[in-house]
All heavy atoms as atom14 arrays in JSON, in Angstrom:
{
  "sequence": "NIWIGLFAAVLSGGLLAWILAVLSIKYKTDQIIAGTVINIFATGITSF",
  "atom14_mask": [
    [1, 1, 1, 1, 1, 1, 1, 1, 0, 0, 0, 0, 0, 0],
    [1, 1, 1, 1, 1, 1, 1, 1, 0, 0, 0, 0, 0, 0],
    [1, 1, 1, 1, 1, 1, 1, 1, 1, 1, 1, 1, 1, 1],
    [1, 1, 1, 1, 1, 1, 1, 1, 0, 0, 0, 0, 0, 0],
    [1, 1, 1, 1, 0, 0, 0, 0, 0, 0, 0, 0, 0, 0],
    [1, 1, 1, 1, 1, 1, 1, 1, 0, 0, 0, 0, 0, 0],
    [1, 1, 1, 1, 1, 1, 1, 1, 1, 1, 1, 0, 0, 0],
    [1, 1, 1, 1, 1, 0, 0, 0, 0, 0, 0, 0, 0, 0],
    [1, 1, 1, 1, 1, 0, 0, 0, 0, 0, 0, 0, 0, 0],
    [1, 1, 1, 1, 1, 1, 1, 0, 0, 0, 0, 0, 0, 0],
    [1, 1, 1, 1, 1, 1, 1, 1, 0, 0, 0, 0, 0, 0],
    [1, 1, 1, 1, 1, 1, 0, 0, 0, 0, 0, 0, 0, 0],
    [1, 1, 1, 1, 0, 0, 0, 0, 0, 0, 0, 0, 0, 0],
    [1, 1, 1, 1, 0, 0, 0, 0, 0, 0, 0, 0, 0, 0],
    [1, 1, 1, 1, 1, 1, 1, 1, 0, 0, 0, 0, 0, 0],
    [1, 1, 1, 1, 1, 1, 1, 1, 0, 0, 0, 0, 0, 0],
    [1, 1, 1, 1, 1, 0, 0, 0, 0, 0, 0, 0, 0, 0],
    [1, 1, 1, 1, 1, 1, 1, 1, 1, 1, 1, 1, 1, 1],
    [1, 1, 1, 1, 1, 1, 1, 1, 0, 0, 0, 0, 0, 0],
    [1, 1, 1, 1, 1, 1, 1, 1, 0, 0, 0, 0, 0, 0],
    [1, 1, 1, 1, 1, 0, 0, 0, 0, 0, 0, 0, 0, 0],
    [1, 1, 1, 1, 1, 1, 1, 0, 0, 0, 0, 0, 0, 0],
    [1, 1, 1, 1, 1, 1, 1, 1, 0, 0, 0, 0, 0, 0],
    [1, 1, 1, 1, 1, 1, 0, 0, 0, 0, 0, 0, 0, 0],
    [1, 1, 1, 1, 1, 1, 1, 1, 0, 0, 0, 0, 0, 0],
    [1, 1, 1, 1, 1, 1, 1, 1, 1, 0, 0, 0, 0, 0],
    [1, 1, 1, 1, 1, 1, 1, 1, 1, 1, 1, 1, 0, 0],
    [1, 1, 1, 1, 1, 1, 1, 1, 1, 0, 0, 0, 0, 0],
    [1, 1, 1, 1, 1, 1, 1, 0, 0, 0, 0, 0, 0, 0],
    [1, 1, 1, 1, 1, 1, 1, 1, 0, 0, 0, 0, 0, 0],
    [1, 1, 1, 1, 1, 1, 1, 1, 1, 0, 0, 0, 0, 0],
    [1, 1, 1, 1, 1, 1, 1, 1, 0, 0, 0, 0, 0, 0],
    [1, 1, 1, 1, 1, 1, 1, 1, 0, 0, 0, 0, 0, 0],
    [1, 1, 1, 1, 1, 0, 0, 0, 0, 0, 0, 0, 0, 0],
    [1, 1, 1, 1, 0, 0, 0, 0, 0, 0, 0, 0, 0, 0],
    [1, 1, 1, 1, 1, 1, 1, 0, 0, 0, 0, 0, 0, 0],
    [1, 1, 1, 1, 1, 1, 1, 0, 0, 0, 0, 0, 0, 0],
    [1, 1, 1, 1, 1, 1, 1, 1, 0, 0, 0, 0, 0, 0],
    [1, 1, 1, 1, 1, 1, 1, 1, 0, 0, 0, 0, 0, 0],
    [1, 1, 1, 1, 1, 1, 1, 1, 0, 0, 0, 0, 0, 0],
    [1, 1, 1, 1, 1, 1, 1, 1, 1, 1, 1, 0, 0, 0],
    [1, 1, 1, 1, 1, 0, 0, 0, 0, 0, 0, 0, 0, 0],
    [1, 1, 1, 1, 1, 1, 1, 0, 0, 0, 0, 0, 0, 0],
    [1, 1, 1, 1, 0, 0, 0, 0, 0, 0, 0, 0, 0, 0],
    [1, 1, 1, 1, 1, 1, 1, 1, 0, 0, 0, 0, 0, 0],
    [1, 1, 1, 1, 1, 1, 1, 0, 0, 0, 0, 0, 0, 0],
    [1, 1, 1, 1, 1, 1, 0, 0, 0, 0, 0, 0, 0, 0],
    [1, 1, 1, 1, 1, 1, 1, 1, 1, 1, 1, 0, 0, 0]
  ],
  "atom14_positions": [
    [[72.59, 16.42, -10.95], [71.25, 16.12, -11.09], [70.46, 17.34, -11.59], [71.03, 18.48, -11.53], [70.64, 15.51, -9.87], [70.64, 16.46, -8.69], [69.97, 17.54, -8.75], [71.35, 16.17, -7.66], [0.0, 0.0, 0.0], [0.0, 0.0, 0.0], [0.0, 0.0, 0.0], [0.0, 0.0, 0.0], [0.0, 0.0, 0.0], [0.0, 0.0, 0.0]],
    [[69.23, 17.26, -11.92], [68.49, 18.31, -12.6], [68.32, 19.47, -11.63], [68.3, 20.67, -12.04], [67.21, 17.8, -13.09], [66.55, 18.77, -14.12], [66.17, 17.46, -12.02], [65.38, 18.19, -14.9], [0.0, 0.0, 0.0], [0.0, 0.0, 0.0], [0.0, 0.0, 0.0], [0.0, 0.0, 0.0], [0.0, 0.0, 0.0], [0.0, 0.0, 0.0]],
    [[68.13, 19.26, -10.37], [67.91, 20.32, -9.33], [69.17, 21.18, -9.15], [69.1, 22.42, -9.11], [67.38, 19.8, -8.07], [65.97, 19.36, -8.09], [65.44, 18.13, -8.19], [64.81, 20.27, -8.11], [64.1, 18.19, -8.24], [63.66, 19.46, -8.15], [64.7, 21.63, -8.0], [62.36, 19.99, -8.2], [63.38, 22.17, -8.02], [62.24, 21.44, -8.06]],
    [[70.31, 20.5, -9.05], [71.55, 21.22, -8.93], [71.84, 22.01, -10.23], [72.4, 23.16, -10.23], [72.77, 20.25, -8.64], [72.52, 19.63, -7.26], [74.03, 21.04, -8.65], [73.52, 18.61, -6.89], [0.0, 0.0, 0.0], [0.0, 0.0, 0.0], [0.0, 0.0, 0.0], [0.0, 0.0, 0.0], [0.0, 0.0, 0.0], [0.0, 0.0, 0.0]],
    [[71.46, 21.44, -11.4], [71.61, 22.18, -12.69], [70.78, 23.4, -12.66], [71.2, 24.5, -13.14], [0.0, 0.0, 0.0], [0.0, 0.0, 0.0], [0.0, 0.0, 0.0], [0.0, 0.0, 0.0], [0.0, 0.0, 0.0], [0.0, 0.0, 0.0], [0.0, 0.0, 0.0], [0.0, 0.0, 0.0], [0.0, 0.0, 0.0], [0.0, 0.0, 0.0]],
    [[69.56, 23.36, -12.14], [68.66, 24.54, -12.04], [69.34, 25.58, -11.17], [69.29, 26.76, -11.5], [67.35, 24.13, -11.57], [66.29, 25.3, -11.36], [66.0, 25.97, -12.68], [65.05, 24.74, -10.72], [0.0, 0.0, 0.0], [0.0, 0.0, 0.0], [0.0, 0.0, 0.0], [0.0, 0.0, 0.0], [0.0, 0.0, 0.0], [0.0, 0.0, 0.0]],
    [[69.84, 25.1, -10.04], [70.48, 26.07, -9.06], [71.64, 26.73, -9.72], [71.93, 27.98, -9.61], [70.87, 25.31, -7.83], [71.5, 26.16, -6.73], [70.74, 27.11, -6.07], [72.88, 26.04, -6.43], [71.34, 27.93, -5.09], [73.43, 26.82, -5.49], [72.71, 27.8, -4.79], [0.0, 0.0, 0.0], [0.0, 0.0, 0.0], [0.0, 0.0, 0.0]],
    [[72.5, 26.0, -10.44], [73.64, 26.47, -11.12], [73.27, 27.54, -12.21], [73.9, 28.54, -12.45], [74.46, 25.41, -11.74], [0.0, 0.0, 0.0], [0.0, 0.0, 0.0], [0.0, 0.0, 0.0], [0.0, 0.0, 0.0], [0.0, 0.0, 0.0], [0.0, 0.0, 0.0], [0.0, 0.0, 0.0], [0.0, 0.0, 0.0], [0.0, 0.0, 0.0]],
    [[72.18, 27.25, -12.95], [71.69, 28.2, -13.97], [71.31, 29.49, -13.32], [71.62, 30.57, -13.89], [70.48, 27.56, -14.69], [0.0, 0.0, 0.0], [0.0, 0.0, 0.0], [0.0, 0.0, 0.0], [0.0, 0.0, 0.0], [0.0, 0.0, 0.0], [0.0, 0.0, 0.0], [0.0, 0.0, 0.0], [0.0, 0.0, 0.0], [0.0, 0.0, 0.0]],
    [[70.64, 29.44, -12.22], [70.21, 30.68, -11.52], [71.5, 31.48, -11.09], [71.55, 32.71, -11.22], [69.32, 30.33, -10.28], [69.1, 31.59, -9.41], [68.01, 29.78, -10.76], [0.0, 0.0, 0.0], [0.0, 0.0, 0.0], [0.0, 0.0, 0.0], [0.0, 0.0, 0.0], [0.0, 0.0, 0.0], [0.0, 0.0, 0.0], [0.0, 0.0, 0.0]],
    [[72.45, 30.77, -10.56], [73.65, 31.42, -10.13], [74.47, 32.09, -11.31], [75.0, 33.11, -11.12], [74.58, 30.45, -9.42], [74.15, 30.01, -7.98], [75.22, 29.08, -7.38], [73.93, 31.22, -7.07], [0.0, 0.0, 0.0], [0.0, 0.0, 0.0], [0.0, 0.0, 0.0], [0.0, 0.0, 0.0], [0.0, 0.0, 0.0], [0.0, 0.0, 0.0]],
    [[74.46, 31.37, -12.46], [75.14, 31.9, -13.6], [74.53, 33.16, -14.09], [75.23, 34.15, -14.51], [75.12, 30.84, -14.77], [73.9, 30.69, -15.24], [0.0, 0.0, 0.0], [0.0, 0.0, 0.0], [0.0, 0.0, 0.0], [0.0, 0.0, 0.0], [0.0, 0.0, 0.0], [0.0, 0.0, 0.0], [0.0, 0.0, 0.0], [0.0, 0.0, 0.0]],
    [[73.2, 33.24, -14.08], [72.44, 34.44, -14.38], [72.82, 35.6, -13.43], [73.07, 36.7, -13.83], [0.0, 0.0, 0.0], [0.0, 0.0, 0.0], [0.0, 0.0, 0.0], [0.0, 0.0, 0.0], [0.0, 0.0, 0.0], [0.0, 0.0, 0.0], [0.0, 0.0, 0.0], [0.0, 0.0, 0.0], [0.0, 0.0, 0.0], [0.0, 0.0, 0.0]],
    [[72.88, 35.25, -12.13], [73.21, 36.24, -11.16], [74.65, 36.77, -11.23], [74.86, 37.97, -11.05], [0.0, 0.0, 0.0], [0.0, 0.0, 0.0], [0.0, 0.0, 0.0], [0.0, 0.0, 0.0], [0.0, 0.0, 0.0], [0.0, 0.0, 0.0], [0.0, 0.0, 0.0], [0.0, 0.0, 0.0], [0.0, 0.0, 0.0], [0.0, 0.0, 0.0]],
    [[75.55, 35.84, -11.67], [76.95, 36.28, -11.86], [77.1, 37.26, -12.99], [77.81, 38.32, -12.9], [77.78, 35.04, -12.19], [79.32, 35.29, -12.49], [79.98, 36.03, -11.28], [80.02, 34.01, -12.86], [0.0, 0.0, 0.0], [0.0, 0.0, 0.0], [0.0, 0.0, 0.0], [0.0, 0.0, 0.0], [0.0, 0.0, 0.0], [0.0, 0.0, 0.0]],
    [[76.45, 37.03, -14.19], [76.49, 37.93, -15.29], [75.8, 39.3, -14.87], [76.24, 40.36, -15.3], [75.86, 37.39, -16.47], [76.59, 36.27, -17.21], [75.83, 35.77, -18.42], [77.99, 36.66, -17.59], [0.0, 0.0, 0.0], [0.0, 0.0, 0.0], [0.0, 0.0, 0.0], [0.0, 0.0, 0.0], [0.0, 0.0, 0.0], [0.0, 0.0, 0.0]],
    [[74.75, 39.19, -14.15], [74.06, 40.32, -13.64], [74.95, 41.21, -12.74], [74.91, 42.47, -12.76], [72.74, 40.02, -12.95], [0.0, 0.0, 0.0], [0.0, 0.0, 0.0], [0.0, 0.0, 0.0], [0.0, 0.0, 0.0], [0.0, 0.0, 0.0], [0.0, 0.0, 0.0], [0.0, 0.0, 0.0], [0.0, 0.0, 0.0], [0.0, 0.0, 0.0]],
    [[75.73, 40.51, -11.86], [76.67, 41.21, -11.02], [77.72, 42.03, -11.84], [78.03, 43.15, -11.53], [77.36, 40.27, -10.09], [78.39, 40.85, -9.3], [78.28, 41.6, -8.11], [79.82, 40.81, -9.49], [79.45, 42.06, -7.62], [80.48, 41.58, -8.44], [80.66, 40.13, -10.41], [81.87, 41.66, -8.37], [82.03, 40.28, -10.34], [82.62, 41.02, -9.39]],
    [[78.16, 41.39, -12.91], [79.11, 42.0, -13.78], [78.46, 43.29, -14.36], [79.04, 44.4, -14.47], [79.64, 41.08, -14.87], [80.42, 39.92, -14.31], [80.47, 41.81, -15.95], [80.78, 38.78, -15.3], [0.0, 0.0, 0.0], [0.0, 0.0, 0.0], [0.0, 0.0, 0.0], [0.0, 0.0, 0.0], [0.0, 0.0, 0.0], [0.0, 0.0, 0.0]],
    [[77.23, 43.13, -14.85], [76.51, 44.26, -15.47], [76.32, 45.36, -14.37], [76.49, 46.57, -14.7], [75.11, 43.79, -15.98], [74.2, 44.91, -16.46], [74.78, 45.56, -17.7], [72.78, 44.35, -16.74], [0.0, 0.0, 0.0], [0.0, 0.0, 0.0], [0.0, 0.0, 0.0], [0.0, 0.0, 0.0], [0.0, 0.0, 0.0], [0.0, 0.0, 0.0]],
    [[76.04, 44.96, -13.21], [75.86, 45.99, -12.14], [77.1, 46.73, -11.8], [77.07, 47.93, -11.61], [75.25, 45.25, -10.88], [0.0, 0.0, 0.0], [0.0, 0.0, 0.0], [0.0, 0.0, 0.0], [0.0, 0.0, 0.0], [0.0, 0.0, 0.0], [0.0, 0.0, 0.0], [0.0, 0.0, 0.0], [0.0, 0.0, 0.0], [0.0, 0.0, 0.0]],
    [[78.27, 45.99, -11.72], [79.48, 46.62, -11.46], [79.84, 47.62, -12.54], [80.23, 48.81, -12.3], [80.62, 45.58, -11.3], [81.99, 46.26, -11.28], [80.39, 44.77, -10.04], [0.0, 0.0, 0.0], [0.0, 0.0, 0.0], [0.0, 0.0, 0.0], [0.0, 0.0, 0.0], [0.0, 0.0, 0.0], [0.0, 0.0, 0.0], [0.0, 0.0, 0.0]],
    [[79.7, 47.19, -13.82], [79.95, 48.12, -14.95], [79.08, 49.35, -14.94], [79.52, 50.39, -15.24], [79.93, 47.31, -16.22], [80.96, 46.24, -16.51], [80.58, 45.46, -17.76], [82.29, 46.83, -16.55], [0.0, 0.0, 0.0], [0.0, 0.0, 0.0], [0.0, 0.0, 0.0], [0.0, 0.0, 0.0], [0.0, 0.0, 0.0], [0.0, 0.0, 0.0]],
    [[77.79, 49.09, -14.65], [76.81, 50.11, -14.76], [76.72, 51.08, -13.62], [76.57, 52.28, -13.72], [75.41, 49.55, -15.08], [75.43, 48.76, -16.23], [0.0, 0.0, 0.0], [0.0, 0.0, 0.0], [0.0, 0.0, 0.0], [0.0, 0.0, 0.0], [0.0, 0.0, 0.0], [0.0, 0.0, 0.0], [0.0, 0.0, 0.0], [0.0, 0.0, 0.0]],
    [[76.82, 50.51, -12.42], [76.63, 51.25, -11.2], [78.0, 51.82, -10.64], [78.08, 53.02, -10.35], [75.98, 50.44, -10.15], [74.54, 49.92, -10.63], [75.76, 51.16, -8.81], [73.94, 48.84, -9.76], [0.0, 0.0, 0.0], [0.0, 0.0, 0.0], [0.0, 0.0, 0.0], [0.0, 0.0, 0.0], [0.0, 0.0, 0.0], [0.0, 0.0, 0.0]],
    [[78.96, 50.99, -10.57], [80.19, 51.42, -9.98], [81.06, 52.23, -10.97], [81.54, 53.37, -10.66], [81.03, 50.21, -9.51], [82.34, 50.63, -8.8], [83.08, 49.43, -8.27], [84.37, 49.83, -7.62], [85.13, 48.69, -7.02], [0.0, 0.0, 0.0], [0.0, 0.0, 0.0], [0.0, 0.0, 0.0], [0.0, 0.0, 0.0], [0.0, 0.0, 0.0]],
    [[81.24, 51.71, -12.17], [82.06, 52.4, -13.19], [81.29, 53.21, -14.19], [81.88, 53.88, -15.02], [82.87, 51.33, -13.93], [83.86, 50.6, -13.11], [83.61, 49.25, -12.74], [85.03, 51.19, -12.61], [84.5, 48.59, -11.91], [85.92, 50.51, -11.78], [85.65, 49.18, -11.44], [86.53, 48.54, -10.57], [0.0, 0.0, 0.0], [0.0, 0.0, 0.0]],
    [[79.93, 53.17, -14.02], [79.09, 54.08, -14.82], [79.25, 53.97, -16.24], [79.21, 54.93, -17.12], [79.25, 55.53, -14.4], [78.86, 55.76, -12.89], [79.19, 57.17, -12.48], [78.71, 57.37, -10.99], [79.33, 56.35, -10.06], [0.0, 0.0, 0.0], [0.0, 0.0, 0.0], [0.0, 0.0, 0.0], [0.0, 0.0, 0.0], [0.0, 0.0, 0.0]],
    [[79.51, 52.77, -16.73], [79.61, 52.38, -18.2], [78.24, 52.54, -18.81], [77.22, 52.33, -18.14], [80.07, 50.98, -18.32], [81.34, 50.78, -17.66], [80.41, 50.67, -19.85], [0.0, 0.0, 0.0], [0.0, 0.0, 0.0], [0.0, 0.0, 0.0], [0.0, 0.0, 0.0], [0.0, 0.0, 0.0], [0.0, 0.0, 0.0], [0.0, 0.0, 0.0]],
    [[78.21, 52.97, -20.04], [76.88, 53.01, -20.73], [76.26, 51.56, -20.63], [76.81, 50.58, -21.0], [77.15, 53.34, -22.25], [75.85, 53.55, -22.97], [75.15, 52.48, -23.27], [75.48, 54.66, -23.27], [0.0, 0.0, 0.0], [0.0, 0.0, 0.0], [0.0, 0.0, 0.0], [0.0, 0.0, 0.0], [0.0, 0.0, 0.0], [0.0, 0.0, 0.0]],
    [[75.05, 51.65, -20.12], [74.35, 50.36, -19.79], [74.01, 49.55, -21.04], [73.95, 48.34, -21.0], [73.07, 50.66, -18.98], [73.45, 51.28, -17.64], [72.27, 51.83, -16.85], [71.09, 51.47, -17.17], [72.49, 52.54, -15.77], [0.0, 0.0, 0.0], [0.0, 0.0, 0.0], [0.0, 0.0, 0.0], [0.0, 0.0, 0.0], [0.0, 0.0, 0.0]],
    [[73.63, 50.22, -22.15], [73.4, 49.49, -23.37], [74.6, 48.83, -23.91], [74.55, 47.65, -24.27], [72.89, 50.46, -24.43], [71.54, 51.15, -23.96], [72.52, 49.74, -25.73], [70.39, 50.22, -23.66], [0.0, 0.0, 0.0], [0.0, 0.0, 0.0], [0.0, 0.0, 0.0], [0.0, 0.0, 0.0], [0.0, 0.0, 0.0], [0.0, 0.0, 0.0]],
    [[75.73, 49.48, -23.88], [77.0, 48.89, -24.3], [77.42, 47.78, -23.42], [77.76, 46.68, -23.89], [78.08, 49.96, -24.33], [77.77, 51.0, -25.49], [79.46, 49.3, -24.7], [78.69, 52.17, -25.53], [0.0, 0.0, 0.0], [0.0, 0.0, 0.0], [0.0, 0.0, 0.0], [0.0, 0.0, 0.0], [0.0, 0.0, 0.0], [0.0, 0.0, 0.0]],
    [[77.28, 47.93, -22.11], [77.66, 46.84, -21.15], [76.77, 45.68, -21.44], [77.34, 44.52, -21.4], [77.53, 47.39, -19.78], [0.0, 0.0, 0.0], [0.0, 0.0, 0.0], [0.0, 0.0, 0.0], [0.0, 0.0, 0.0], [0.0, 0.0, 0.0], [0.0, 0.0, 0.0], [0.0, 0.0, 0.0], [0.0, 0.0, 0.0], [0.0, 0.0, 0.0]],
    [[75.54, 45.81, -21.61], [74.63, 44.67, -21.85], [74.93, 44.02, -23.17], [74.92, 42.79, -23.28], [0.0, 0.0, 0.0], [0.0, 0.0, 0.0], [0.0, 0.0, 0.0], [0.0, 0.0, 0.0], [0.0, 0.0, 0.0], [0.0, 0.0, 0.0], [0.0, 0.0, 0.0], [0.0, 0.0, 0.0], [0.0, 0.0, 0.0], [0.0, 0.0, 0.0]],
    [[75.26, 44.8, -24.16], [75.57, 44.2, -25.48], [76.87, 43.36, -25.42], [76.9, 42.29, -26.0], [75.75, 45.31, -26.48], [74.57, 46.14, -26.58], [76.09, 44.73, -27.94], [0.0, 0.0, 0.0], [0.0, 0.0, 0.0], [0.0, 0.0, 0.0], [0.0, 0.0, 0.0], [0.0, 0.0, 0.0], [0.0, 0.0, 0.0], [0.0, 0.0, 0.0]],
    [[77.81, 43.88, -24.67], [79.08, 43.14, -24.51], [78.81, 41.79, -23.81], [79.34, 40.69, -24.24], [80.17, 43.93, -23.65], [81.26, 43.14, -23.29], [80.55, 45.14, -24.52], [0.0, 0.0, 0.0], [0.0, 0.0, 0.0], [0.0, 0.0, 0.0], [0.0, 0.0, 0.0], [0.0, 0.0, 0.0], [0.0, 0.0, 0.0], [0.0, 0.0, 0.0]],
    [[77.98, 41.76, -22.81], [77.64, 40.55, -22.06], [76.95, 39.59, -23.01], [77.22, 38.34, -22.99], [76.82, 40.87, -20.85], [77.69, 41.6, -19.81], [76.2, 39.58, -20.24], [76.98, 42.01, -18.55], [0.0, 0.0, 0.0], [0.0, 0.0, 0.0], [0.0, 0.0, 0.0], [0.0, 0.0, 0.0], [0.0, 0.0, 0.0], [0.0, 0.0, 0.0]],
    [[76.05, 40.09, -23.82], [75.33, 39.21, -24.82], [76.34, 38.55, -25.77], [76.24, 37.31, -26.07], [74.34, 39.98, -25.63], [73.1, 40.32, -24.77], [72.73, 39.58, -23.85], [72.38, 41.4, -25.12], [0.0, 0.0, 0.0], [0.0, 0.0, 0.0], [0.0, 0.0, 0.0], [0.0, 0.0, 0.0], [0.0, 0.0, 0.0], [0.0, 0.0, 0.0]],
    [[77.26, 39.37, -26.28], [78.25, 38.8, -27.28], [79.1, 37.81, -26.59], [79.4, 36.69, -27.14], [79.08, 40.0, -27.82], [78.23, 40.91, -28.7], [80.22, 39.37, -28.65], [78.93, 42.13, -29.13], [0.0, 0.0, 0.0], [0.0, 0.0, 0.0], [0.0, 0.0, 0.0], [0.0, 0.0, 0.0], [0.0, 0.0, 0.0], [0.0, 0.0, 0.0]],
    [[79.56, 38.09, -25.36], [80.37, 37.16, -24.61], [79.63, 35.88, -24.39], [80.19, 34.77, -24.55], [80.8, 37.77, -23.26], [81.43, 36.77, -22.34], [82.78, 36.38, -22.48], [80.72, 36.28, -21.23], [83.32, 35.46, -21.57], [81.29, 35.38, -20.35], [82.59, 34.92, -20.57], [0.0, 0.0, 0.0], [0.0, 0.0, 0.0], [0.0, 0.0, 0.0]],
    [[78.36, 35.96, -23.94], [77.61, 34.72, -23.64], [77.42, 33.85, -24.86], [77.55, 32.65, -24.82], [76.23, 35.14, -22.96], [0.0, 0.0, 0.0], [0.0, 0.0, 0.0], [0.0, 0.0, 0.0], [0.0, 0.0, 0.0], [0.0, 0.0, 0.0], [0.0, 0.0, 0.0], [0.0, 0.0, 0.0], [0.0, 0.0, 0.0], [0.0, 0.0, 0.0]],
    [[77.08, 34.48, -25.99], [76.92, 33.74, -27.27], [78.21, 33.06, -27.64], [78.2, 31.89, -27.98], [76.48, 34.73, -28.37], [75.27, 35.39, -27.98], [76.25, 33.99, -29.66], [0.0, 0.0, 0.0], [0.0, 0.0, 0.0], [0.0, 0.0, 0.0], [0.0, 0.0, 0.0], [0.0, 0.0, 0.0], [0.0, 0.0, 0.0], [0.0, 0.0, 0.0]],
    [[79.29, 33.79, -27.54], [80.59, 33.15, -27.98], [81.05, 32.06, -27.06], [81.44, 30.95, -27.57], [0.0, 0.0, 0.0], [0.0, 0.0, 0.0], [0.0, 0.0, 0.0], [0.0, 0.0, 0.0], [0.0, 0.0, 0.0], [0.0, 0.0, 0.0], [0.0, 0.0, 0.0], [0.0, 0.0, 0.0], [0.0, 0.0, 0.0], [0.0, 0.0, 0.0]],
    [[81.0, 32.26, -25.73], [81.51, 31.2, -24.85], [80.62, 29.98, -24.8], [81.15, 28.88, -24.78], [81.66, 31.84, -23.38], [82.54, 30.87, -22.49], [80.28, 32.12, -22.75], [83.95, 30.8, -22.95], [0.0, 0.0, 0.0], [0.0, 0.0, 0.0], [0.0, 0.0, 0.0], [0.0, 0.0, 0.0], [0.0, 0.0, 0.0], [0.0, 0.0, 0.0]],
    [[79.31, 30.18, -24.88], [78.46, 29.0, -24.89], [78.58, 28.16, -26.16], [78.53, 26.93, -26.14], [76.97, 29.36, -24.66], [76.61, 30.31, -25.62], [76.77, 29.92, -23.23], [0.0, 0.0, 0.0], [0.0, 0.0, 0.0], [0.0, 0.0, 0.0], [0.0, 0.0, 0.0], [0.0, 0.0, 0.0], [0.0, 0.0, 0.0], [0.0, 0.0, 0.0]],
    [[78.7, 28.94, -27.3], [78.87, 28.21, -28.6], [80.18, 27.41, -28.63], [80.29, 26.3, -29.1], [78.8, 29.19, -29.74], [77.56, 29.83, -29.82], [0.0, 0.0, 0.0], [0.0, 0.0, 0.0], [0.0, 0.0, 0.0], [0.0, 0.0, 0.0], [0.0, 0.0, 0.0], [0.0, 0.0, 0.0], [0.0, 0.0, 0.0], [0.0, 0.0, 0.0]],
    [[81.29, 28.07, -28.1], [82.57, 27.45, -28.11], [82.58, 26.22, -27.16], [83.04, 25.1, -27.64], [83.66, 28.38, -27.63], [84.96, 27.8, -27.37], [85.8, 27.43, -28.43], [85.39, 27.57, -26.03], [87.07, 26.84, -28.18], [86.65, 26.95, -25.83], [87.43, 26.58, -26.87], [0.0, 0.0, 0.0], [0.0, 0.0, 0.0], [0.0, 0.0, 0.0]]
  ]
}
């Protein structure tokens, strides 16, 4: 239903943010590059 869909959307954003946080904070990856990789991944996987 639409409310569970909204909750899942919020969780999906949090999951990608957790990946960005791990790359940027723990592994100290360049934050611009890490964000760009996530954008490319999101575009590819959602389109597929």
